[in-house]
Amino acid sequence: MVSITLGRELLKKLENLREGEESIEKIIEKLIESYEELQDYIEEKYEKLRRDRDKFVNLEDYAASRGL
């Protein structure tokens, strides 16, 4: 077990996320899991954009081709 010190504002935010008698440890665990899922989602979307980049038109090239 490890102890950490939290400021009052952060502790208050964590307590606002509490569902019922849920522990602060459980809230932090859920936040980390959500963060990891979000990171995976972002990575997946970024890789899809990289794979499909040739399907997109460069805005500057498009504007130049239209004389804009």
Protein backbone atom coordinates (compact mmCIF):
# COMPACT_ATOMS: atom_id res chain seq x y z
CA MET A 1 0.00 0.00 0.00
CA VAL A 2 1.15 3.53 -0.78
CA SER A 3 -0.07 6.79 0.71
CA ILE A 4 -0.43 9.95 -1.33
CA THR A 5 -1.26 13.49 -0.40
CA LEU A 6 -4.07 15.23 -2.27
CA GLY A 7 -5.10 18.84 -2.19
CA ARG A 8 -8.57 19.65 -0.94
CA GLU A 9 -9.86 20.61 -4.39
CA LEU A 10 -8.69 17.36 -5.99
CA LEU A 11 -10.10 15.30 -3.15
CA LYS A 12 -13.42 17.14 -3.53
CA LYS A 13 -13.46 16.34 -7.27
CA LEU A 14 -12.76 12.67 -6.57
CA GLU A 15 -15.49 12.56 -3.95
CA ASN A 16 -17.93 14.07 -6.45
CA LEU A 17 -17.24 11.07 -8.72
CA ARG A 18 -17.98 8.64 -5.90
CA GLU A 19 -20.93 6.31 -6.37
CA GLY A 20 -22.38 5.31 -3.04
CA GLU A 21 -19.72 4.07 -0.64
CA GLU A 22 -17.12 3.61 -3.39
CA SER A 23 -13.56 4.09 -2.21
CA ILE A 24 -11.25 6.79 -3.54
CA GLU A 25 -8.95 3.96 -4.67
CA LYS A 26 -11.76 2.50 -6.80
CA ILE A 27 -12.50 5.92 -8.32
CA ILE A 28 -8.83 6.36 -9.25
CA GLU A 29 -8.77 2.86 -10.71
CA LYS A 30 -11.83 3.65 -12.86
CA LEU A 31 -10.27 6.93 -14.00
CA ILE A 32 -7.09 5.13 -15.05
CA GLU A 33 -9.08 2.50 -16.93
CA SER A 34 -11.07 5.20 -18.72
CA TYR A 35 -7.86 7.02 -19.59
CA GLU A 36 -6.31 3.85 -21.00
CA GLU A 37 -9.42 3.14 -23.09
CA LEU A 38 -9.40 6.70 -24.41
CA GLN A 39 -5.71 6.45 -25.29
CA ASP A 40 -6.36 3.21 -27.20
CA TYR A 41 -9.28 4.82 -29.05
CA ILE A 42 -7.19 7.87 -30.00
CA GLU A 43 -4.32 5.67 -31.20
CA GLU A 44 -6.71 3.58 -33.28
CA LYS A 45 -8.27 6.66 -34.91
CA TYR A 46 -4.86 8.23 -35.54
CA GLU A 47 -3.60 5.06 -37.23
CA LYS A 48 -6.74 4.95 -39.37
CA LEU A 49 -6.13 8.56 -40.44
CA ARG A 50 -2.53 7.72 -41.32
CA ARG A 51 -3.62 4.67 -43.36
CA ASP A 52 -6.35 6.64 -45.16
CA ARG A 53 -4.50 9.93 -45.64
CA ASP A 54 -4.37 9.48 -49.41
CA LYS A 55 -8.19 9.58 -49.40
CA PHE A 56 -8.12 13.16 -48.11
CA VAL A 57 -7.50 16.31 -50.13
CA ASN A 58 -4.93 18.80 -48.92
CA LEU A 59 -6.80 22.05 -48.25
CA GLU A 60 -4.05 24.23 -49.72
CA ASP A 61 -3.89 22.12 -52.90
CA TYR A 62 -7.68 22.23 -53.22
CA ALA A 63 -7.75 26.02 -52.79
CA ALA A 64 -4.94 26.46 -55.32
CA SER A 65 -6.71 24.25 -57.87
CA ARG A 66 -9.82 26.42 -57.51
CA GLY A 67 -7.90 29.68 -57.70
CA LEU A 68 -8.76 30.60 -54.13
